[in-house]
PDB file of all heavy atoms in Angstrom:
ATOM      1  N   LEU A   1       1.419 -10.083  -8.339  1.00  0.00           N
ATOM      2  CA  LEU A   1       1.850 -10.503  -7.010  1.00  0.00           C
ATOM      3  C   LEU A   1       2.681  -9.423  -6.317  1.00  0.00           C
ATOM      4  O   LEU A   1       3.454  -8.698  -6.949  1.00  0.00           O
ATOM      5  CB  LEU A   1       2.664 -11.797  -7.099  1.00  0.00           C
ATOM      6  CG  LEU A   1       1.982 -12.971  -7.793  1.00  0.00           C
ATOM      7  CD1 LEU A   1       2.864 -14.206  -7.738  1.00  0.00           C
ATOM      8  CD2 LEU A   1       0.614 -13.251  -7.190  1.00  0.00           C
ATOM      9  N   ALA A   2       2.544  -9.355  -4.986  1.00  0.00           N
ATOM     10  CA  ALA A   2       3.189  -8.305  -4.186  1.00  0.00           C
ATOM     11  C   ALA A   2       4.559  -8.772  -3.706  1.00  0.00           C
ATOM     12  O   ALA A   2       4.804  -8.913  -2.501  1.00  0.00           O
ATOM     13  CB  ALA A   2       2.282  -7.937  -3.011  1.00  0.00           C
ATOM     14  N   HIS A   3       5.487  -8.964  -4.625  1.00  0.00           N
ATOM     15  CA  HIS A   3       6.791  -9.511  -4.243  1.00  0.00           C
ATOM     16  C   HIS A   3       7.640  -8.506  -3.457  1.00  0.00           C
ATOM     17  O   HIS A   3       8.597  -8.897  -2.800  1.00  0.00           O
ATOM     18  CB  HIS A   3       7.545 -10.002  -5.481  1.00  0.00           C
ATOM     19  CG  HIS A   3       8.076  -8.915  -6.357  1.00  0.00           C
ATOM     20  ND1 HIS A   3       7.263  -8.000  -6.968  1.00  0.00           N
ATOM     21  CD2 HIS A   3       9.356  -8.611  -6.732  1.00  0.00           C
ATOM     22  CE1 HIS A   3       8.002  -7.177  -7.676  1.00  0.00           C
ATOM     23  NE2 HIS A   3       9.279  -7.518  -7.553  1.00  0.00           N
ATOM     24  N   LEU A   4       7.289  -7.223  -3.510  1.00  0.00           N
ATOM     25  CA  LEU A   4       8.000  -6.209  -2.727  1.00  0.00           C
ATOM     26  C   LEU A   4       7.179  -5.737  -1.533  1.00  0.00           C
ATOM     27  O   LEU A   4       7.573  -4.797  -0.844  1.00  0.00           O
ATOM     28  CB  LEU A   4       8.336  -5.002  -3.618  1.00  0.00           C
ATOM     29  CG  LEU A   4       9.232  -5.279  -4.834  1.00  0.00           C
ATOM     30  CD1 LEU A   4       9.429  -3.999  -5.656  1.00  0.00           C
ATOM     31  CD2 LEU A   4      10.571  -5.848  -4.400  1.00  0.00           C
ATOM     32  N   GLY A   5       6.061  -6.395  -1.280  1.00  0.00           N
ATOM     33  CA  GLY A   5       5.147  -5.919  -0.246  1.00  0.00           C
ATOM     34  C   GLY A   5       4.173  -4.902  -0.796  1.00  0.00           C
ATOM     35  O   GLY A   5       4.007  -4.757  -2.009  1.00  0.00           O
ATOM     36  N   GLY A   6       3.505  -4.175   0.098  1.00  0.00           N
ATOM     37  CA  GLY A   6       2.556  -3.162  -0.342  1.00  0.00           C
ATOM     38  C   GLY A   6       1.139  -3.671  -0.425  1.00  0.00           C
ATOM     39  O   GLY A   6       0.759  -4.636   0.240  1.00  0.00           O
ATOM     40  N   VAL A   7       0.350  -3.030  -1.300  1.00  0.00           N
ATOM     41  CA  VAL A   7      -1.098  -3.251  -1.364  1.00  0.00           C
ATOM     42  C   VAL A   7      -1.480  -3.858  -2.715  1.00  0.00           C
ATOM     43  O   VAL A   7      -1.154  -3.294  -3.759  1.00  0.00           O
ATOM     44  CB  VAL A   7      -1.860  -1.921  -1.167  1.00  0.00           C
ATOM     45  CG1 VAL A   7      -3.369  -2.133  -1.320  1.00  0.00           C
ATOM     46  CG2 VAL A   7      -1.558  -1.322   0.204  1.00  0.00           C
ATOM     47  N   VAL A   8      -2.131  -4.990  -2.684  1.00  0.00           N
ATOM     48  CA  VAL A   8      -2.741  -5.538  -3.889  1.00  0.00           C
ATOM     49  C   VAL A   8      -4.075  -4.834  -4.111  1.00  0.00           C
ATOM     50  O   VAL A   8      -4.918  -4.776  -3.208  1.00  0.00           O
ATOM     51  CB  VAL A   8      -2.943  -7.058  -3.783  1.00  0.00           C
ATOM     52  CG1 VAL A   8      -3.893  -7.556  -4.878  1.00  0.00           C
ATOM     53  CG2 VAL A   8      -1.611  -7.777  -3.908  1.00  0.00           C
ATOM     54  N   LEU A   9      -4.252  -4.284  -5.300  1.00  0.00           N
ATOM     55  CA  LEU A   9      -5.489  -3.595  -5.680  1.00  0.00           C
ATOM     56  C   LEU A   9      -6.316  -4.525  -6.548  1.00  0.00           C
ATOM     57  O   LEU A   9      -6.001  -4.757  -7.715  1.00  0.00           O
ATOM     58  CB  LEU A   9      -5.157  -2.302  -6.447  1.00  0.00           C
ATOM     59  CG  LEU A   9      -6.319  -1.602  -7.138  1.00  0.00           C
ATOM     60  CD1 LEU A   9      -7.397  -1.182  -6.144  1.00  0.00           C
ATOM     61  CD2 LEU A   9      -5.807  -0.392  -7.926  1.00  0.00           C
ATOM     62  N   SER A  10      -7.373  -5.081  -5.968  1.00  0.00           N
ATOM     63  CA  SER A  10      -8.247  -5.990  -6.711  1.00  0.00           C
ATOM     64  C   SER A  10      -9.326  -5.203  -7.438  1.00  0.00           C
ATOM     65  O   SER A  10     -10.003  -4.352  -6.842  1.00  0.00           O
ATOM     66  CB  SER A  10      -8.895  -6.987  -5.756  1.00  0.00           C
ATOM     67  OG  SER A  10      -9.906  -7.710  -6.421  1.00  0.00           O
ATOM     68  N   LEU A  11      -9.466  -5.494  -8.731  1.00  0.00           N
ATOM     69  CA  LEU A  11     -10.507  -4.848  -9.552  1.00  0.00           C
ATOM     70  C   LEU A  11     -11.741  -5.734  -9.701  1.00  0.00           C
ATOM     71  O   LEU A  11     -12.640  -5.404 -10.490  1.00  0.00           O
ATOM     72  CB  LEU A  11      -9.946  -4.513 -10.938  1.00  0.00           C
ATOM     73  CG  LEU A  11      -9.024  -3.291 -11.097  1.00  0.00           C
ATOM     74  CD1 LEU A  11      -9.741  -2.019 -10.684  1.00  0.00           C
ATOM     75  CD2 LEU A  11      -7.711  -3.447 -10.394  1.00  0.00           C
ATOM     76  N   GLN A  12     -11.833  -6.843  -8.940  1.00  0.00           N
ATOM     77  CA  GLN A  12     -12.869  -7.827  -9.213  1.00  0.00           C
ATOM     78  C   GLN A  12     -14.285  -7.321  -8.926  1.00  0.00           C
ATOM     79  O   GLN A  12     -15.256  -7.865  -9.459  1.00  0.00           O
ATOM     80  CB  GLN A  12     -12.588  -9.110  -8.418  1.00  0.00           C
ATOM     81  CG  GLN A  12     -12.635  -8.963  -6.920  1.00  0.00           C
ATOM     82  CD  GLN A  12     -11.970 -10.129  -6.204  1.00  0.00           C
ATOM     83  OE1 GLN A  12     -10.837  -9.999  -5.723  1.00  0.00           O
ATOM     84  NE2 GLN A  12     -12.636 -11.245  -6.143  1.00  0.00           N
ATOM     85  N   ASP A  13     -14.408  -6.274  -8.100  1.00  0.00           N
ATOM     86  CA  ASP A  13     -15.746  -5.744  -7.820  1.00  0.00           C
ATOM     87  C   ASP A  13     -16.173  -4.653  -8.794  1.00  0.00           C
ATOM     88  O   ASP A  13     -17.320  -4.192  -8.733  1.00  0.00           O
ATOM     89  CB  ASP A  13     -15.806  -5.217  -6.387  1.00  0.00           C
ATOM     90  CG  ASP A  13     -15.738  -6.330  -5.358  1.00  0.00           C
ATOM     91  OD1 ASP A  13     -16.109  -7.473  -5.700  1.00  0.00           O
ATOM     92  OD2 ASP A  13     -15.321  -6.077  -4.220  1.00  0.00           O
ATOM     93  N   LEU A  14     -15.275  -4.234  -9.675  1.00  0.00           N
ATOM     94  CA  LEU A  14     -15.672  -3.349 -10.775  1.00  0.00           C
ATOM     95  C   LEU A  14     -16.134  -4.253 -11.910  1.00  0.00           C
ATOM     96  O   LEU A  14     -15.391  -4.537 -12.855  1.00  0.00           O
ATOM     97  CB  LEU A  14     -14.495  -2.464 -11.214  1.00  0.00           C
ATOM     98  CG  LEU A  14     -14.290  -1.141 -10.478  1.00  0.00           C
ATOM     99  CD1 LEU A  14     -13.968  -1.384  -9.019  1.00  0.00           C
ATOM    100  CD2 LEU A  14     -13.175  -0.336 -11.135  1.00  0.00           C
ATOM    101  N   ASN A  15     -17.361  -4.736 -11.818  1.00  0.00           N
ATOM    102  CA  ASN A  15     -17.787  -5.842 -12.675  1.00  0.00           C
ATOM    103  C   ASN A  15     -19.112  -5.589 -13.393  1.00  0.00           C
ATOM    104  O   ASN A  15     -19.875  -6.506 -13.635  1.00  0.00           O
ATOM    105  CB  ASN A  15     -17.872  -7.130 -11.867  1.00  0.00           C
ATOM    106  CG  ASN A  15     -18.755  -6.977 -10.641  1.00  0.00           C
ATOM    107  OD1 ASN A  15     -19.546  -6.037 -10.540  1.00  0.00           O
ATOM    108  ND2 ASN A  15     -18.630  -7.901  -9.701  1.00  0.00           N
ATOM    109  N   ARG A  16     -19.352  -4.317 -13.744  1.00  0.00           N
ATOM    110  CA  ARG A  16     -20.586  -3.996 -14.458  1.00  0.00           C
ATOM    111  C   ARG A  16     -20.346  -3.912 -15.966  1.00  0.00           C
ATOM    112  O   ARG A  16     -19.304  -3.425 -16.406  1.00  0.00           O
ATOM    113  CB  ARG A  16     -21.141  -2.649 -13.991  1.00  0.00           C
ATOM    114  CG  ARG A  16     -21.644  -2.615 -12.558  1.00  0.00           C
ATOM    115  CD  ARG A  16     -22.231  -1.248 -12.241  1.00  0.00           C
ATOM    116  NE  ARG A  16     -21.261  -0.196 -12.491  1.00  0.00           N
ATOM    117  CZ  ARG A  16     -21.525   0.922 -13.195  1.00  0.00           C
ATOM    118  NH1 ARG A  16     -22.716   1.116 -13.727  1.00  0.00           N
ATOM    119  NH2 ARG A  16     -20.590   1.847 -13.352  1.00  0.00           N
ATOM    120  N   ILE A  17     -21.310  -4.370 -16.723  1.00  0.00           N
ATOM    121  CA  ILE A  17     -21.364  -4.063 -18.159  1.00  0.00           C
ATOM    122  C   ILE A  17     -22.143  -2.773 -18.273  1.00  0.00           C
ATOM    123  O   ILE A  17     -23.342  -2.716 -18.014  1.00  0.00           O
ATOM    124  CB  ILE A  17     -22.033  -5.202 -18.944  1.00  0.00           C
ATOM    125  CG1 ILE A  17     -21.182  -6.469 -18.868  1.00  0.00           C
ATOM    126  CG2 ILE A  17     -22.248  -4.785 -20.410  1.00  0.00           C
ATOM    127  CD1 ILE A  17     -21.781  -7.668 -19.563  1.00  0.00           C
ATOM    128  N   ARG A  18     -21.450  -1.700 -18.631  1.00  0.00           N
ATOM    129  CA  ARG A  18     -22.071  -0.374 -18.619  1.00  0.00           C
ATOM    130  C   ARG A  18     -22.972  -0.138 -19.824  1.00  0.00           C
ATOM    131  O   ARG A  18     -23.968   0.575 -19.733  1.00  0.00           O
ATOM    132  CB  ARG A  18     -20.968   0.704 -18.594  1.00  0.00           C
ATOM    133  CG  ARG A  18     -20.135   0.736 -17.320  1.00  0.00           C
ATOM    134  CD  ARG A  18     -19.059   1.822 -17.428  1.00  0.00           C
ATOM    135  NE  ARG A  18     -18.263   1.929 -16.218  1.00  0.00           N
ATOM    136  CZ  ARG A  18     -17.220   2.755 -16.091  1.00  0.00           C
ATOM    137  NH1 ARG A  18     -16.877   3.529 -17.118  1.00  0.00           N
ATOM    138  NH2 ARG A  18     -16.533   2.790 -14.963  1.00  0.00           N
ATOM    139  N   LEU A  19     -22.606  -0.719 -20.952  1.00  0.00           N
ATOM    140  CA  LEU A  19     -23.336  -0.424 -22.193  1.00  0.00           C
ATOM    141  C   LEU A  19     -23.126  -1.533 -23.199  1.00  0.00           C
ATOM    142  O   LEU A  19     -22.016  -2.035 -23.362  1.00  0.00           O
ATOM    143  CB  LEU A  19     -22.814   0.907 -22.785  1.00  0.00           C
ATOM    144  CG  LEU A  19     -23.306   1.290 -24.176  1.00  0.00           C
ATOM    145  CD1 LEU A  19     -24.782   1.697 -24.115  1.00  0.00           C
ATOM    146  CD2 LEU A  19     -22.454   2.412 -24.766  1.00  0.00           C
ATOM    147  N   ILE A  20     -24.211  -1.923 -23.882  1.00  0.00           N
ATOM    148  CA  ILE A  20     -24.125  -2.765 -25.080  1.00  0.00           C
ATOM    149  C   ILE A  20     -24.822  -1.991 -26.191  1.00  0.00           C
ATOM    150  O   ILE A  20     -26.035  -1.756 -26.116  1.00  0.00           O
ATOM    151  CB  ILE A  20     -24.771  -4.137 -24.880  1.00  0.00           C
ATOM    152  CG1 ILE A  20     -24.052  -4.917 -23.770  1.00  0.00           C
ATOM    153  CG2 ILE A  20     -24.737  -4.931 -26.183  1.00  0.00           C
ATOM    154  CD1 ILE A  20     -24.668  -6.264 -23.482  1.00  0.00           C
ATOM    155  N   ASP A  21     -24.084  -1.574 -27.195  1.00  0.00           N
ATOM    156  CA  ASP A  21     -24.592  -0.734 -28.280  1.00  0.00           C
ATOM    157  C   ASP A  21     -24.710  -1.599 -29.535  1.00  0.00           C
ATOM    158  O   ASP A  21     -23.737  -1.825 -30.248  1.00  0.00           O
ATOM    159  CB  ASP A  21     -23.635   0.438 -28.484  1.00  0.00           C
ATOM    160  CG  ASP A  21     -24.149   1.440 -29.524  1.00  0.00           C
ATOM    161  OD1 ASP A  21     -25.021   1.065 -30.328  1.00  0.00           O
ATOM    162  OD2 ASP A  21     -23.650   2.586 -29.537  1.00  0.00           O
ATOM    163  N   ARG A  22     -25.932  -2.063 -29.813  1.00  0.00           N
ATOM    164  CA  ARG A  22     -26.155  -2.934 -30.973  1.00  0.00           C
ATOM    165  C   ARG A  22     -26.018  -2.199 -32.294  1.00  0.00           C
ATOM    166  O   ARG A  22     -25.704  -2.793 -33.316  1.00  0.00           O
ATOM    167  CB  ARG A  22     -27.537  -3.581 -30.877  1.00  0.00           C
ATOM    168  CG  ARG A  22     -27.706  -4.547 -29.719  1.00  0.00           C
ATOM    169  CD  ARG A  22     -29.146  -5.058 -29.627  1.00  0.00           C
ATOM    170  NE  ARG A  22     -29.312  -6.050 -28.600  1.00  0.00           N
ATOM    171  CZ  ARG A  22     -29.536  -5.766 -27.307  1.00  0.00           C
ATOM    172  NH1 ARG A  22     -29.592  -4.494 -26.929  1.00  0.00           N
ATOM    173  NH2 ARG A  22     -29.682  -6.723 -26.426  1.00  0.00           N
ATOM    174  N   ASP A  23     -26.298  -0.891 -32.296  1.00  0.00           N
ATOM    175  CA  ASP A  23     -26.229  -0.123 -33.543  1.00  0.00           C
ATOM    176  C   ASP A  23     -24.792   0.109 -33.990  1.00  0.00           C
ATOM    177  O   ASP A  23     -24.497   0.122 -35.182  1.00  0.00           O
ATOM    178  CB  ASP A  23     -26.931   1.229 -33.370  1.00  0.00           C
ATOM    179  CG  ASP A  23     -28.429   1.076 -33.144  1.00  0.00           C
ATOM    180  OD1 ASP A  23     -29.011   0.129 -33.722  1.00  0.00           O
ATOM    181  OD2 ASP A  23     -28.999   1.881 -32.404  1.00  0.00           O
ATOM    182  N   ASN A  24     -23.903   0.292 -33.012  1.00  0.00           N
ATOM    183  CA  ASN A  24     -22.520   0.603 -33.340  1.00  0.00           C
ATOM    184  C   ASN A  24     -21.549  -0.539 -33.033  1.00  0.00           C
ATOM    185  O   ASN A  24     -20.338  -0.371 -33.147  1.00  0.00           O
ATOM    186  CB  ASN A  24     -22.082   1.863 -32.582  1.00  0.00           C
ATOM    187  CG  ASN A  24     -22.810   3.087 -33.077  1.00  0.00           C
ATOM    188  OD1 ASN A  24     -22.724   3.442 -34.248  1.00  0.00           O
ATOM    189  ND2 ASN A  24     -23.556   3.736 -32.198  1.00  0.00           N
ATOM    190  N   PHE A  25     -22.102  -1.689 -32.652  1.00  0.00           N
ATOM    191  CA  PHE A  25     -21.288  -2.890 -32.404  1.00  0.00           C
ATOM    192  C   PHE A  25     -20.146  -2.584 -31.419  1.00  0.00           C
ATOM    193  O   PHE A  25     -18.981  -2.825 -31.711  1.00  0.00           O
ATOM    194  CB  PHE A  25     -20.740  -3.460 -33.725  1.00  0.00           C
ATOM    195  CG  PHE A  25     -21.771  -4.211 -34.515  1.00  0.00           C
ATOM    196  CD1 PHE A  25     -22.691  -3.538 -35.292  1.00  0.00           C
ATOM    197  CD2 PHE A  25     -21.827  -5.592 -34.452  1.00  0.00           C
ATOM    198  CE1 PHE A  25     -23.658  -4.229 -36.009  1.00  0.00           C
ATOM    199  CE2 PHE A  25     -22.784  -6.294 -35.164  1.00  0.00           C
ATOM    200  CZ  PHE A  25     -23.716  -5.620 -35.940  1.00  0.00           C
ATOM    201  N   LEU A  26     -20.532  -2.090 -30.245  1.00  0.00           N
ATOM    202  CA  LEU A  26     -19.527  -1.892 -29.207  1.00  0.00           C
ATOM    203  C   LEU A  26     -20.143  -2.144 -27.846  1.00  0.00           C
ATOM    204  O   LEU A  26     -21.357  -2.191 -27.672  1.00  0.00           O
ATOM    205  CB  LEU A  26     -18.876  -0.511 -29.297  1.00  0.00           C
ATOM    206  CG  LEU A  26     -19.726   0.759 -29.136  1.00  0.00           C
ATOM    207  CD1 LEU A  26     -19.962   1.107 -27.684  1.00  0.00           C
ATOM    208  CD2 LEU A  26     -19.030   1.919 -29.832  1.00  0.00           C
ATOM    209  N   MET A  27     -19.261  -2.329 -26.873  1.00  0.00           N
ATOM    210  CA  MET A  27     -19.650  -2.606 -25.504  1.00  0.00           C
ATOM    211  C   MET A  27     -18.705  -1.860 -24.582  1.00  0.00           C
ATOM    212  O   MET A  27     -17.499  -1.776 -24.857  1.00  0.00           O
ATOM    213  CB  MET A  27     -19.547  -4.128 -25.247  1.00  0.00           C
ATOM    214  CG  MET A  27     -19.869  -4.575 -23.833  1.00  0.00           C
ATOM    215  SD  MET A  27     -19.498  -6.359 -23.558  1.00  0.00           S
ATOM    216  CE  MET A  27     -20.674  -7.130 -24.640  1.00  0.00           C
ATOM    217  N   GLU A  28     -19.233  -1.296 -23.515  1.00  0.00           N
ATOM    218  CA  GLU A  28     -18.386  -0.690 -22.497  1.00  0.00           C
ATOM    219  C   GLU A  28     -18.513  -1.507 -21.226  1.00  0.00           C
ATOM    220  O   GLU A  28     -19.628  -1.732 -20.731  1.00  0.00           O
ATOM    221  CB  GLU A  28     -18.747   0.769 -22.238  1.00  0.00           C
ATOM    222  CG  GLU A  28     -17.806   1.415 -21.233  1.00  0.00           C
ATOM    223  CD  GLU A  28     -18.005   2.920 -21.099  1.00  0.00           C
ATOM    224  OE1 GLU A  28     -18.804   3.496 -21.860  1.00  0.00           O
ATOM    225  OE2 GLU A  28     -17.329   3.513 -20.231  1.00  0.00           O
ATOM    226  N   VAL A  29     -17.398  -1.956 -20.702  1.00  0.00           N
ATOM    227  CA  VAL A  29     -17.401  -2.847 -19.542  1.00  0.00           C
ATOM    228  C   VAL A  29     -16.361  -2.387 -18.525  1.00  0.00           C
ATOM    229  O   VAL A  29     -15.342  -1.783 -18.892  1.00  0.00           O
ATOM    230  CB  VAL A  29     -17.089  -4.307 -19.945  1.00  0.00           C
ATOM    231  CG1 VAL A  29     -18.139  -4.846 -20.895  1.00  0.00           C
ATOM    232  CG2 VAL A  29     -15.710  -4.424 -20.583  1.00  0.00           C
ATOM    233  N   GLU A  30     -16.613  -2.679 -17.261  1.00  0.00           N
ATOM    234  CA  GLU A  30     -15.618  -2.407 -16.238  1.00  0.00           C
ATOM    235  C   GLU A  30     -14.571  -3.506 -16.230  1.00  0.00           C
ATOM    236  O   GLU A  30     -14.812  -4.643 -16.693  1.00  0.00           O
ATOM    237  CB  GLU A  30     -16.301  -2.260 -14.881  1.00  0.00           C
ATOM    238  CG  GLU A  30     -17.165  -1.010 -14.807  1.00  0.00           C
ATOM    239  CD  GLU A  30     -17.841  -0.805 -13.473  1.00  0.00           C
ATOM    240  OE1 GLU A  30     -17.965  -1.786 -12.703  1.00  0.00           O
ATOM    241  OE2 GLU A  30     -18.264   0.336 -13.206  1.00  0.00           O
ATOM    242  N   ALA A  31     -13.417  -3.199 -15.665  1.00  0.00           N
ATOM    243  CA  ALA A  31     -12.263  -4.080 -15.787  1.00  0.00           C
ATOM    244  C   ALA A  31     -12.431  -5.423 -15.108  1.00  0.00           C
ATOM    245  O   ALA A  31     -11.789  -6.404 -15.490  1.00  0.00           O
ATOM    246  CB  ALA A  31     -11.019  -3.377 -15.231  1.00  0.00           C
TER     247      ALA A  31
END
């Protein structure tokens, strides 16, 4: 929350799953 004013930076549109690696059991995702 912007209790001092300023700019709220929303990350909700950074919403891609970049990678699902079944061989190495990992996933790279945006925030």
